[in-house]
């Protein structure tokens, strides 16, 4: 469980932050509901579900 917080969580934060920065730099709109915000919502949802159902068994 501790390894998840030390290694996995910073990696996930880096993926989200760098993805947002690259999308902004490429000129994609981050406001409103579009494919980019939907993908971030689904990515977050899978992370929450993984933490809720998979991590207790690790």
Protein backbone atom coordinates (compact mmCIF):
# COMPACT_ATOMS: atom_id res chain seq x y z
CA UNK A 1 0.00 0.00 0.00
CA UNK A 2 2.83 2.38 0.81
CA UNK A 3 4.51 1.64 -2.53
CA UNK A 4 1.31 2.69 -4.32
CA UNK A 5 1.48 6.10 -2.69
CA UNK A 6 5.21 6.51 -3.25
CA UNK A 7 5.47 5.35 -6.87
CA UNK A 8 2.04 5.14 -8.51
CA UNK A 9 0.37 8.31 -7.24
CA UNK A 10 3.13 10.72 -8.37
CA UNK A 11 3.16 9.01 -11.77
CA UNK A 12 -0.58 9.48 -12.17
CA UNK A 13 -0.34 13.13 -11.16
CA UNK A 14 2.48 13.61 -13.67
CA UNK A 15 0.39 12.02 -16.44
CA UNK A 16 -2.59 14.28 -15.73
CA UNK A 17 -0.59 17.50 -15.36
CA UNK A 18 1.65 16.92 -18.38
CA UNK A 19 -1.34 15.89 -20.51
CA UNK A 20 -3.20 19.07 -19.60
CA UNK A 21 -0.14 21.22 -20.30
CA UNK A 22 0.42 19.59 -23.70
CA UNK A 23 -3.24 19.99 -24.64
CA UNK A 24 -3.17 23.68 -23.71
CA UNK A 25 0.08 24.17 -25.62
CA UNK A 26 -1.45 22.47 -28.68
CA UNK A 27 -4.40 24.85 -28.55
CA UNK A 28 -7.14 22.51 -27.35
CA UNK A 29 -9.89 24.06 -25.29
CA UNK A 30 -9.99 22.88 -21.69
CA UNK A 31 -13.30 24.61 -20.97
CA UNK A 32 -16.65 23.03 -21.58
CA UNK A 33 -17.47 19.39 -22.13
CA UNK A 34 -15.50 17.85 -24.97
CA UNK A 35 -13.56 14.66 -25.67
CA UNK A 36 -10.62 15.86 -23.61
CA UNK A 37 -12.60 16.56 -20.45
CA UNK A 38 -14.49 13.28 -20.93
CA UNK A 39 -11.20 11.37 -21.10
CA UNK A 40 -9.98 13.06 -17.91
CA UNK A 41 -13.25 12.19 -16.15
CA UNK A 42 -13.02 8.55 -17.25
CA UNK A 43 -9.33 8.36 -16.27
CA UNK A 44 -10.22 9.68 -12.81
CA UNK A 45 -13.12 7.26 -12.52
CA UNK A 46 -10.93 4.27 -13.32
CA UNK A 47 -8.40 5.45 -10.72
CA UNK A 48 -11.10 5.74 -8.07
CA UNK A 49 -12.51 2.32 -8.91
CA UNK A 50 -9.04 0.78 -8.87
CA UNK A 51 -8.30 2.26 -5.45
CA UNK A 52 -11.66 1.15 -4.12
CA UNK A 53 -11.73 -2.43 -5.42
CA UNK A 54 -8.19 -3.49 -6.34
CA UNK A 55 -5.90 -1.88 -3.77
CA UNK A 56 -7.40 -3.63 -0.72
CA UNK A 57 -6.37 -6.97 -2.28
CA UNK A 58 -2.82 -5.88 -3.14
